[in-house]
Amino acid sequence: MRQHLLTDLPVVDQAAFWAANTIRDNQVLTRAHTDGLIFKTGGTTKAPRVSFYTNGEWDAMCRTYAETLPAAGLRHGDRIANLFAAGEL
C-alpha cells in the first residue's frame, strides 16, 4: 500500500474554503453534523469561521491535550493562563 504524503494534497484557496465553511449550507463537511460541538470564531474580525467536531473528535482532542501538557513539562501547582478572547460576548 502506498503511503500518502502531504505533498499529495492539493493547495486549498483559504478564502474559498472559509466562504464555503458556514453554519448553513456548509459545502466543506463530508457528512451531516449530527452530534458534537460547533465553535464560531471571528466576532472581533467580522470574518466568522466555524469548526465542527463530533463527540468522538472532541473527546480525542481533549484527551490529547490532557496528555500533551504534562509531556511539555506542566506539573502540579504550576500556574497557567488562558488568553482566549471570546468574540461577540
PDB file of N, CA and C in Angstrom:
ATOM      1  N   MET A   1       0.839  -1.167   0.000  1.00  0.00           N
ATOM      2  CA  MET A   1       0.000   0.000   0.000  1.00  0.00           C
ATOM      3  C   MET A   1       0.896   1.247   0.000  1.00  0.00           C
ATOM      4  N   ARG A   2       0.581   2.206  -0.861  1.00  0.00           N
ATOM      5  CA  ARG A   2       1.355   3.432  -0.980  1.00  0.00           C
ATOM      6  C   ARG A   2       1.034   4.369   0.189  1.00  0.00           C
ATOM      7  N   GLN A   3       2.070   4.916   0.790  1.00  0.00           N
ATOM      8  CA  GLN A   3       1.880   5.883   1.870  1.00  0.00           C
ATOM      9  C   GLN A   3       1.645   7.255   1.241  1.00  0.00           C
ATOM     10  N   HIS A   4       0.619   7.958   1.732  1.00  0.00           N
ATOM     11  CA  HIS A   4       0.304   9.285   1.209  1.00  0.00           C
ATOM     12  C   HIS A   4       1.177  10.334   1.887  1.00  0.00           C
ATOM     13  N   LEU A   5       1.567  11.325   1.134  1.00  0.00           N
ATOM     14  CA  LEU A   5       2.409  12.404   1.627  1.00  0.00           C
ATOM     15  C   LEU A   5       1.626  13.707   1.624  1.00  0.00           C
ATOM     16  N   LEU A   6       2.067  14.636   2.434  1.00  0.00           N
ATOM     17  CA  LEU A   6       1.436  15.944   2.474  1.00  0.00           C
ATOM     18  C   LEU A   6       1.456  16.604   1.095  1.00  0.00           C
ATOM     19  N   THR A   7       2.512  16.369   0.349  1.00  0.00           N
ATOM     20  CA  THR A   7       2.623  16.962  -0.985  1.00  0.00           C
ATOM     21  C   THR A   7       1.620  16.365  -1.975  1.00  0.00           C
ATOM     22  N   ASP A   8       0.977  15.249  -1.623  1.00  0.00           N
ATOM     23  CA  ASP A   8      -0.056  14.656  -2.474  1.00  0.00           C
ATOM     24  C   ASP A   8      -1.363  15.445  -2.419  1.00  0.00           C
ATOM     25  N   LEU A   9      -1.522  16.255  -1.393  1.00  0.00           N
ATOM     26  CA  LEU A   9      -2.772  17.004  -1.210  1.00  0.00           C
ATOM     27  C   LEU A   9      -2.757  18.296  -2.021  1.00  0.00           C
ATOM     28  N   PRO A  10      -3.918  18.686  -2.520  1.00  0.00           N
ATOM     29  CA  PRO A  10      -3.970  19.939  -3.284  1.00  0.00           C
ATOM     30  C   PRO A  10      -3.868  21.146  -2.356  1.00  0.00           C
ATOM     31  N   VAL A  11      -3.385  22.250  -2.900  1.00  0.00           N
ATOM     32  CA  VAL A  11      -3.362  23.508  -2.153  1.00  0.00           C
ATOM     33  C   VAL A  11      -4.788  24.058  -2.153  1.00  0.00           C
ATOM     34  N   VAL A  12      -5.283  24.425  -0.987  1.00  0.00           N
ATOM     35  CA  VAL A  12      -6.651  24.915  -0.856  1.00  0.00           C
ATOM     36  C   VAL A  12      -6.639  26.435  -0.771  1.00  0.00           C
ATOM     37  N   ASP A  13      -7.463  27.061  -1.575  1.00  0.00           N
ATOM     38  CA  ASP A  13      -7.618  28.516  -1.514  1.00  0.00           C
ATOM     39  C   ASP A  13      -8.330  28.853  -0.204  1.00  0.00           C
ATOM     40  N   GLN A  14      -7.641  29.543   0.694  1.00  0.00           N
ATOM     41  CA  GLN A  14      -8.170  29.816   2.025  1.00  0.00           C
ATOM     42  C   GLN A  14      -9.463  30.638   1.998  1.00  0.00           C
ATOM     43  N   ALA A  15      -9.524  31.656   1.178  1.00  0.00           N
ATOM     44  CA  ALA A  15     -10.731  32.486   1.110  1.00  0.00           C
ATOM     45  C   ALA A  15     -11.930  31.657   0.652  1.00  0.00           C
ATOM     46  N   ALA A  16     -11.724  30.813  -0.356  1.00  0.00           N
ATOM     47  CA  ALA A  16     -12.809  29.962  -0.854  1.00  0.00           C
ATOM     48  C   ALA A  16     -13.227  28.929   0.192  1.00  0.00           C
ATOM     49  N   PHE A  17     -12.242  28.364   0.912  1.00  0.00           N
ATOM     50  CA  PHE A  17     -12.559  27.383   1.946  1.00  0.00           C
ATOM     51  C   PHE A  17     -13.448  27.989   3.023  1.00  0.00           C
ATOM     52  N   TRP A  18     -13.028  29.137   3.574  1.00  0.00           N
ATOM     53  CA  TRP A  18     -13.792  29.729   4.664  1.00  0.00           C
ATOM     54  C   TRP A  18     -15.137  30.268   4.197  1.00  0.00           C
ATOM     55  N   ALA A  19     -15.242  30.669   2.937  1.00  0.00           N
ATOM     56  CA  ALA A  19     -16.533  31.104   2.399  1.00  0.00           C
ATOM     57  C   ALA A  19     -17.496  29.920   2.286  1.00  0.00           C
ATOM     58  N   ALA A  20     -16.960  28.714   2.052  1.00  0.00           N
ATOM     59  CA  ALA A  20     -17.792  27.514   1.916  1.00  0.00           C
ATOM     60  C   ALA A  20     -18.069  26.836   3.253  1.00  0.00           C
ATOM     61  N   ASN A  21     -17.312  27.181   4.289  1.00  0.00           N
ATOM     62  CA  ASN A  21     -17.436  26.544   5.600  1.00  0.00           C
ATOM     63  C   ASN A  21     -18.309  27.402   6.508  1.00  0.00           C
ATOM     64  N   THR A  22     -19.612  27.272   6.352  1.00  0.00           N
ATOM     65  CA  THR A  22     -20.569  28.084   7.097  1.00  0.00           C
ATOM     66  C   THR A  22     -21.515  27.192   7.899  1.00  0.00           C
ATOM     67  N   ILE A  23     -22.231  27.801   8.837  1.00  0.00           N
ATOM     68  CA  ILE A  23     -23.219  27.052   9.632  1.00  0.00           C
ATOM     69  C   ILE A  23     -24.325  26.515   8.720  1.00  0.00           C
ATOM     70  N   ARG A  24     -24.885  27.380   7.895  1.00  0.00           N
ATOM     71  CA  ARG A  24     -25.946  26.978   6.968  1.00  0.00           C
ATOM     72  C   ARG A  24     -25.325  26.755   5.583  1.00  0.00           C
ATOM     73  N   ASP A  25     -25.793  25.749   4.902  1.00  0.00           N
ATOM     74  CA  ASP A  25     -25.318  25.451   3.546  1.00  0.00           C
ATOM     75  C   ASP A  25     -23.836  25.137   3.487  1.00  0.00           C
ATOM     76  N   ASN A  26     -23.317  24.457   4.477  1.00  0.00           N
ATOM     77  CA  ASN A  26     -21.890  24.133   4.522  1.00  0.00           C
ATOM     78  C   ASN A  26     -21.530  23.246   3.344  1.00  0.00           C
ATOM     79  N   GLN A  27     -20.482  23.604   2.625  1.00  0.00           N
ATOM     80  CA  GLN A  27     -20.037  22.842   1.468  1.00  0.00           C
ATOM     81  C   GLN A  27     -18.712  22.124   1.733  1.00  0.00           C
ATOM     82  N   VAL A  28     -18.254  22.156   3.000  1.00  0.00           N
ATOM     83  CA  VAL A  28     -16.974  21.561   3.359  1.00  0.00           C
ATOM     84  C   VAL A  28     -17.156  20.231   4.098  1.00  0.00           C
ATOM     85  N   LEU A  29     -18.196  20.120   4.898  1.00  0.00           N
ATOM     86  CA  LEU A  29     -18.413  18.895   5.670  1.00  0.00           C
ATOM     87  C   LEU A  29     -18.599  17.696   4.744  1.00  0.00           C
ATOM     88  N   THR A  30     -18.084  16.566   5.156  1.00  0.00           N
ATOM     89  CA  THR A  30     -18.196  15.354   4.349  1.00  0.00           C
ATOM     90  C   THR A  30     -19.409  14.504   4.722  1.00  0.00           C
ATOM     91  N   ARG A  31     -20.087  14.888   5.807  1.00  0.00           N
ATOM     92  CA  ARG A  31     -21.336  14.228   6.191  1.00  0.00           C
ATOM     93  C   ARG A  31     -22.122  15.178   7.089  1.00  0.00           C
ATOM     94  N   ALA A  32     -23.363  14.848   7.346  1.00  0.00           N
ATOM     95  CA  ALA A  32     -24.203  15.687   8.205  1.00  0.00           C
ATOM     96  C   ALA A  32     -23.625  15.735   9.619  1.00  0.00           C
ATOM     97  N   HIS A  33     -23.675  16.893  10.226  1.00  0.00           N
ATOM     98  CA  HIS A  33     -23.193  17.047  11.604  1.00  0.00           C
ATOM     99  C   HIS A  33     -24.366  16.752  12.527  1.00  0.00           C
ATOM    100  N   THR A  34     -24.352  15.568  13.152  1.00  0.00           N
ATOM    101  CA  THR A  34     -25.493  15.122  13.958  1.00  0.00           C
ATOM    102  C   THR A  34     -25.204  15.071  15.447  1.00  0.00           C
ATOM    103  N   ASP A  35     -23.939  15.240  15.841  1.00  0.00           N
ATOM    104  CA  ASP A  35     -23.606  15.241  17.262  1.00  0.00           C
ATOM    105  C   ASP A  35     -22.358  16.085  17.465  1.00  0.00           C
ATOM    106  N   GLY A  36     -22.102  16.445  18.690  1.00  0.00           N
ATOM    107  CA  GLY A  36     -20.866  17.155  18.994  1.00  0.00           C
ATOM    108  C   GLY A  36     -21.042  18.644  19.179  1.00  0.00           C
ATOM    109  N   LEU A  37     -19.990  19.373  18.830  1.00  0.00           N
ATOM    110  CA  LEU A  37     -19.926  20.803  19.083  1.00  0.00           C
ATOM    111  C   LEU A  37     -19.651  21.577  17.807  1.00  0.00           C
ATOM    112  N   ILE A  38     -20.117  22.822  17.792  1.00  0.00           N
ATOM    113  CA  ILE A  38     -19.788  23.748  16.724  1.00  0.00           C
ATOM    114  C   ILE A  38     -19.259  25.007  17.390  1.00  0.00           C
ATOM    115  N   PHE A  39     -18.049  25.414  17.013  1.00  0.00           N
ATOM    116  CA  PHE A  39     -17.462  26.642  17.541  1.00  0.00           C
ATOM    117  C   PHE A  39     -17.483  27.698  16.450  1.00  0.00           C
ATOM    118  N   LYS A  40     -17.834  28.914  16.824  1.00  0.00           N
ATOM    119  CA  LYS A  40     -17.811  30.037  15.894  1.00  0.00           C
ATOM    120  C   LYS A  40     -16.791  31.041  16.410  1.00  0.00           C
ATOM    121  N   THR A  41     -15.908  31.490  15.540  1.00  0.00           N
ATOM    122  CA  THR A  41     -14.908  32.482  15.906  1.00  0.00           C
ATOM    123  C   THR A  41     -14.967  33.639  14.921  1.00  0.00           C
ATOM    124  N   GLY A  42     -14.190  34.647  15.173  1.00  0.00           N
ATOM    125  CA  GLY A  42     -14.078  35.752  14.231  1.00  0.00           C
ATOM    126  C   GLY A  42     -14.990  36.913  14.513  1.00  0.00           C
ATOM    127  N   GLY A  43     -15.612  36.947  15.680  1.00  0.00           N
ATOM    128  CA  GLY A  43     -16.518  38.043  16.007  1.00  0.00           C
ATOM    129  C   GLY A  43     -15.836  39.393  16.014  1.00  0.00           C
ATOM    130  N   THR A  44     -14.597  39.426  16.461  1.00  0.00           N
ATOM    131  CA  THR A  44     -13.884  40.700  16.515  1.00  0.00           C
ATOM    132  C   THR A  44     -13.331  41.100  15.156  1.00  0.00           C
ATOM    133  N   THR A  45     -13.181  40.141  14.248  1.00  0.00           N
ATOM    134  CA  THR A  45     -12.658  40.451  12.915  1.00  0.00           C
ATOM    135  C   THR A  45     -13.779  40.636  11.899  1.00  0.00           C
ATOM    136  N   LYS A  46     -14.992  40.331  12.293  1.00  0.00           N
ATOM    137  CA  LYS A  46     -16.152  40.362  11.392  1.00  0.00           C
ATOM    138  C   LYS A  46     -16.010  39.370  10.243  1.00  0.00           C
ATOM    139  N   ALA A  47     -15.159  38.366  10.430  1.00  0.00           N
ATOM    140  CA  ALA A  47     -14.998  37.291   9.453  1.00  0.00           C
ATOM    141  C   ALA A  47     -15.232  35.964  10.166  1.00  0.00           C
ATOM    142  N   PRO A  48     -16.520  35.640  10.449  1.00  0.00           N
ATOM    143  CA  PRO A  48     -16.810  34.431  11.226  1.00  0.00           C
ATOM    144  C   PRO A  48     -16.297  33.158  10.573  1.00  0.00           C
ATOM    145  N   ARG A  49     -15.793  32.278  11.408  1.00  0.00           N
ATOM    146  CA  ARG A  49     -15.348  30.959  10.979  1.00  0.00           C
ATOM    147  C   ARG A  49     -15.957  29.941  11.923  1.00  0.00           C
ATOM    148  N   VAL A  50     -16.262  28.779  11.408  1.00  0.00           N
ATOM    149  CA  VAL A  50     -16.857  27.740  12.235  1.00  0.00           C
ATOM    150  C   VAL A  50     -16.008  26.480  12.186  1.00  0.00           C
ATOM    151  N   SER A  51     -16.006  25.767  13.302  1.00  0.00           N
ATOM    152  CA  SER A  51     -15.310  24.483  13.403  1.00  0.00           C
ATOM    153  C   SER A  51     -16.293  23.470  13.957  1.00  0.00           C
ATOM    154  N   PHE A  52     -16.469  22.374  13.246  1.00  0.00           N
ATOM    155  CA  PHE A  52     -17.388  21.312  13.633  1.00  0.00           C
ATOM    156  C   PHE A  52     -16.594  20.147  14.225  1.00  0.00           C
ATOM    157  N   TYR A  53     -17.032  19.626  15.356  1.00  0.00           N
ATOM    158  CA  TYR A  53     -16.409  18.456  15.981  1.00  0.00           C
ATOM    159  C   TYR A  53     -17.499  17.466  16.349  1.00  0.00           C
ATOM    160  N   THR A  54     -17.292  16.189  16.022  1.00  0.00           N
ATOM    161  CA  THR A  54     -18.192  15.160  16.541  1.00  0.00           C
ATOM    162  C   THR A  54     -17.833  14.935  18.009  1.00  0.00           C
ATOM    163  N   ASN A  55     -18.679  14.244  18.736  1.00  0.00           N
ATOM    164  CA  ASN A  55     -18.361  13.935  20.134  1.00  0.00           C
ATOM    165  C   ASN A  55     -17.060  13.150  20.233  1.00  0.00           C
ATOM    166  N   GLY A  56     -16.858  12.201  19.322  1.00  0.00           N
ATOM    167  CA  GLY A  56     -15.636  11.400  19.334  1.00  0.00           C
ATOM    168  C   GLY A  56     -14.399  12.231  19.041  1.00  0.00           C
ATOM    169  N   GLU A  57     -14.496  13.148  18.081  1.00  0.00           N
ATOM    170  CA  GLU A  57     -13.367  14.018  17.763  1.00  0.00           C
ATOM    171  C   GLU A  57     -13.024  14.931  18.938  1.00  0.00           C
ATOM    172  N   TRP A  58     -14.061  15.487  19.568  1.00  0.00           N
ATOM    173  CA  TRP A  58     -13.833  16.381  20.707  1.00  0.00           C
ATOM    174  C   TRP A  58     -13.209  15.617  21.869  1.00  0.00           C
ATOM    175  N   ASP A  59     -13.680  14.406  22.123  1.00  0.00           N
ATOM    176  CA  ASP A  59     -13.117  13.579  23.190  1.00  0.00           C
ATOM    177  C   ASP A  59     -11.641  13.283  22.910  1.00  0.00           C
ATOM    178  N   ALA A  60     -11.325  12.911  21.673  1.00  0.00           N
ATOM    179  CA  ALA A  60      -9.937  12.611  21.309  1.00  0.00           C
ATOM    180  C   ALA A  60      -9.061  13.845  21.450  1.00  0.00           C
ATOM    181  N   MET A  61      -9.573  15.006  21.049  1.00  0.00           N
ATOM    182  CA  MET A  61      -8.782  16.229  21.143  1.00  0.00           C
ATOM    183  C   MET A  61      -8.518  16.600  22.608  1.00  0.00           C
ATOM    184  N   CYS A  62      -9.529  16.471  23.446  1.00  0.00           N
ATOM    185  CA  CYS A  62      -9.354  16.789  24.874  1.00  0.00           C
ATOM    186  C   CYS A  62      -8.382  15.817  25.543  1.00  0.00           C
ATOM    187  N   ARG A  63      -8.486  14.533  25.209  1.00  0.00           N
ATOM    188  CA  ARG A  63      -7.555  13.549  25.772  1.00  0.00           C
ATOM    189  C   ARG A  63      -6.122  13.845  25.337  1.00  0.00           C
ATOM    190  N   THR A  64      -5.938  14.178  24.066  1.00  0.00           N
ATOM    191  CA  THR A  64      -4.609  14.507  23.558  1.00  0.00           C
ATOM    192  C   THR A  64      -4.061  15.738  24.259  1.00  0.00           C
ATOM    193  N   TYR A  65      -4.893  16.750  24.432  1.00  0.00           N
ATOM    194  CA  TYR A  65      -4.484  17.980  25.116  1.00  0.00           C
ATOM    195  C   TYR A  65      -4.078  17.667  26.564  1.00  0.00           C
ATOM    196  N   ALA A  66      -4.859  16.828  27.234  1.00  0.00           N
ATOM    197  CA  ALA A  66      -4.566  16.468  28.621  1.00  0.00           C
ATOM    198  C   ALA A  66      -3.252  15.689  28.741  1.00  0.00           C
ATOM    199  N   GLU A  67      -2.911  14.923  27.725  1.00  0.00           N
ATOM    200  CA  GLU A  67      -1.646  14.178  27.737  1.00  0.00           C
ATOM    201  C   GLU A  67      -0.463  15.066  27.339  1.00  0.00           C
ATOM    202  N   THR A  68      -0.718  16.056  26.498  1.00  0.00           N
ATOM    203  CA  THR A  68       0.347  16.913  25.967  1.00  0.00           C
ATOM    204  C   THR A  68       0.897  17.875  27.009  1.00  0.00           C
ATOM    205  N   LEU A  69       0.034  18.454  27.838  1.00  0.00           N
ATOM    206  CA  LEU A  69       0.507  19.436  28.828  1.00  0.00           C
ATOM    207  C   LEU A  69       1.546  18.851  29.784  1.00  0.00           C
ATOM    208  N   PRO A  70       1.293  17.698  30.402  1.00  0.00           N
ATOM    209  CA  PRO A  70       2.334  17.121  31.266  1.00  0.00           C
ATOM    210  C   PRO A  70       3.589  16.722  30.475  1.00  0.00           C
ATOM    211  N   ALA A  71       3.393  16.253  29.244  1.00  0.00           N
ATOM    212  CA  ALA A  71       4.544  15.870  28.422  1.00  0.00           C
ATOM    213  C   ALA A  71       5.406  17.089  28.085  1.00  0.00           C
ATOM    214  N   ALA A  72       4.781  18.268  28.053  1.00  0.00           N
ATOM    215  CA  ALA A  72       5.509  19.510  27.775  1.00  0.00           C
ATOM    216  C   ALA A  72       6.144  20.097  29.031  1.00  0.00           C
ATOM    217  N   GLY A  73       5.879  19.478  30.178  1.00  0.00           N
ATOM    218  CA  GLY A  73       6.526  19.932  31.406  1.00  0.00           C
ATOM    219  C   GLY A  73       5.610  20.536  32.449  1.00  0.00           C
ATOM    220  N   LEU A  74       4.310  20.633  32.180  1.00  0.00           N
ATOM    221  CA  LEU A  74       3.378  21.185  33.164  1.00  0.00           C
ATOM    222  C   LEU A  74       3.279  20.242  34.356  1.00  0.00           C
ATOM    223  N   ARG A  75       3.433  20.785  35.542  1.00  0.00           N
ATOM    224  CA  ARG A  75       3.405  19.974  36.756  1.00  0.00           C
ATOM    225  C   ARG A  75       2.374  20.516  37.738  1.00  0.00           C
ATOM    226  N   HIS A  76       1.964  19.671  38.671  1.00  0.00           N
ATOM    227  CA  HIS A  76       1.005  20.064  39.705  1.00  0.00           C
ATOM    228  C   HIS A  76       1.505  21.326  40.409  1.00  0.00           C
ATOM    229  N   GLY A  77       0.640  22.307  40.543  1.00  0.00           N
ATOM    230  CA  GLY A  77       1.000  23.557  41.196  1.00  0.00           C
ATOM    231  C   GLY A  77       1.449  24.643  40.242  1.00  0.00           C
ATOM    232  N   ASP A  78       1.757  24.294  38.993  1.00  0.00           N
ATOM    233  CA  ASP A  78       2.133  25.313  38.014  1.00  0.00           C
ATOM    234  C   ASP A  78       0.923  26.202  37.723  1.00  0.00           C
ATOM    235  N   ARG A  79       1.180  27.454  37.414  1.00  0.00           N
ATOM    236  CA  ARG A  79       0.104  28.383  37.061  1.00  0.00           C
ATOM    237  C   ARG A  79       0.150  28.638  35.560  1.00  0.00           C
ATOM    238  N   ILE A  80      -1.013  28.585  34.956  1.00  0.00           N
ATOM    239  CA  ILE A  80      -1.113  28.863  33.531  1.00  0.00           C
ATOM    240  C   ILE A  80      -2.242  29.872  33.319  1.00  0.00           C
ATOM    241  N   ALA A  81      -2.260  30.505  32.169  1.00  0.00           N
ATOM    242  CA  ALA A  81      -3.308  31.475  31.845  1.00  0.00           C
ATOM    243  C   ALA A  81      -3.934  31.105  30.516  1.00  0.00           C
ATOM    244  N   ASN A  82      -5.224  31.285  30.420  1.00  0.00           N
ATOM    245  CA  ASN A  82      -5.949  31.088  29.172  1.00  0.00           C
ATOM    246  C   ASN A  82      -6.117  32.467  28.544  1.00  0.00           C
ATOM    247  N   LEU A  83      -5.459  32.708  27.439  1.00  0.00           N
ATOM    248  CA  LEU A  83      -5.517  34.013  26.785  1.00  0.00           C
ATOM    249  C   LEU A  83      -6.544  34.058  25.668  1.00  0.00           C
ATOM    250  N   PHE A  84      -7.451  33.098  25.659  1.00  0.00           N
ATOM    251  CA  PHE A  84      -8.509  33.050  24.653  1.00  0.00           C
ATOM    252  C   PHE A  84      -9.457  34.227  24.848  1.00  0.00           C
ATOM    253  N   ALA A  85      -9.670  34.968  23.803  1.00  0.00           N
ATOM    254  CA  ALA A  85     -10.621  36.090  23.857  1.00  0.00           C
ATOM    255  C   ALA A  85     -11.850  35.706  23.042  1.00  0.00           C
ATOM    256  N   ALA A  86     -12.978  35.608  23.700  1.00  0.00           N
ATOM    257  CA  ALA A  86     -14.215  35.215  23.013  1.00  0.00           C
ATOM    258  C   ALA A  86     -14.838  36.432  22.332  1.00  0.00           C
ATOM    259  N   GLY A  87     -15.079  36.329  21.054  1.00  0.00           N
ATOM    260  CA  GLY A  87     -15.691  37.424  20.311  1.00  0.00           C
ATOM    261  C   GLY A  87     -17.201  37.436  20.480  1.00  0.00           C
ATOM    262  N   GLU A  88     -17.792  38.554  20.261  1.00  0.00           N
ATOM    263  CA  GLU A  88     -19.235  38.772  20.294  1.00  0.00           C
ATOM    264  C   GLU A  88     -19.882  38.409  21.617  1.00  0.00           C
ATOM    265  N   LEU A  89     -19.171  38.502  22.712  1.00  0.00           N
ATOM    266  CA  LEU A  89     -19.772  38.250  24.025  1.00  0.00           C
ATOM    267  C   LEU A  89     -19.940  39.532  24.785  1.00  0.00           C
TER     268      LEU A  89
END
